[in-house]
Amino acid sequence: MKKRMFLGVFASIAMFTYAQVEKKEKDLYNNWSIELSAGQNRPLSNFAPGYFTSKPNSYFYFNGIEHYDFGVRYMFSPLFGLKADLAYDEIKNQSGSGSLEFNLKQYRLGIQGVMNFSRLLKFETFTKRIGLLAHGGVQFSKLKPQIGINQGLSEDNGGLILGLTPQYRLTNWLVINGDFTYINNLRQHFNWDGSYSEDANNLTGSIYNTSLGLTFYIGDKNKVHADWYISLASKVDDDARKRIAEIEKSMLDTDKDGVPDYLDLQNNTPTGIVVDTKGRFIDLNKNGIPDELEHEEPIKADVIVNNNNNNDSFSSSFENGKLNINIFFDVNEDMPNKGSENNIHLLAQYLKNNPESKIKLTGFADVRGGELNNLDLSKRRAIKIKNFLVSTGVSDSRMTVSAEGVDTTYPSSSKTGLDLARRVSVILIK
């Protein structure tokens, strides 16, 4: 509960900081831009019989430059803005297509909202020059046939407009942009060839534009435009996420003894063992065996279990010139369990800092399984530890390996005893 409350308060502070930073950033980037582009149009519907814009069997369509667009855009923030544009389209049959001749001109005004997908999707994590805008809104258009019986007439239309604008930034004030736009007229009576539709209920028409152009950013040349501005609030947000992740990581409890890893000095104690506030099992007589596992039969007392996760444990646990630690394993595994990983890394560091020291690695297994299998398993466990230490730069000549097979140091009648038996005992001799 305390953890959740702490994370909640931290998240609230991060959100408040984000809002405050965003308000202060208005003067750090430019807002206005002018867009010029030219390209092609492709009407989708409707045409009278015998009229079409391209060759029926052609996969590629190019009929010259037929579309021109001029736009002005204002970004309220690096994410959202508003755009107004004027466009001109000439719609005609392609030479050699076999279509009857026609020519129609469309004049259009669009009012659209703009969303900066490159900031929303954090393009800045992999590129500083490629951007992507999405735009959509309403448009008002006028159609004027240039030839045929309707020449000289015109029709007002209106509808929806949607598009995507890929960007490539050249400088802080100049960008190459492409544009793919779909336009839908909701009250169109003219066909795209300039004739009237024979279907009185056909009040729609659709066309799309493909163009290439330039965007000019207006304002202080020393500032980036909102399209490319990386919000400080976003950086604050990322920092907050990292801090929350660190807090969550520190609250992990690898050996499930109720003591978080960042406080646990012995974070591989077997499940069920009583521990103190620092995660260490109770061992009043200092014989390396948890007091709750003590029994009346003689028990080997030459193994000192020391799993402390700090270098001080190595310097403070020498007795008679020797230091003993244990590395534990899961059932039938020859890779150390997660709780023992820190011990191995600390051991490697100790050996690097003390090049005169030599070690003996002795592998053990619990009583389950056949004798030969347990002997092989205990040997593999010791060799695994040796190979890891060699990979960190410790000389092979400083280590000897032995295998004892089944270990009877701990009582095999309990799960805890079995967990303690599966180990490699490491003896460091100065």
Foldseek 3Di string as FASTA:
>chain_A
DVLVVVLVVLVVVLVVVLVVLQVVCPVQAFFKKKWKKWFAKAWDDDDDPQAHAAAPPDPDDDQDTFKIKIKMKGAPFLFKTKMKMKMKGWGWHHPPNRGDTWIKIKIKIDIKMKGWVCQVVVVVVPDQFKTKMKIKDKMKMKMATCDDPRHPPIDIWMDMKIKMKIWGDDALFKIKIKMKMKTKTQADQATSRGHGDPDPPPRMIIMMTIIIIMMGTDDDRVHHHSNRDHGPSVVSVVVSVVVSVVVVQQQDQQQPQPAGPVQAQARNQHPPAHDDNSNHADDPPQQQDRPVQDDDDDFDSPAHAGRGLDLVCVVVQDDPQKHKYKFFPDPPDLDTDPSRPSVLVSVLVVCVVPVVKAKEKEFEAAPPDDQVSQQVSRQSNSVVSLVVSVVSPRDSVRYHYYYDGHDDNTDPPDPSSRRVRGIIMMMMGD
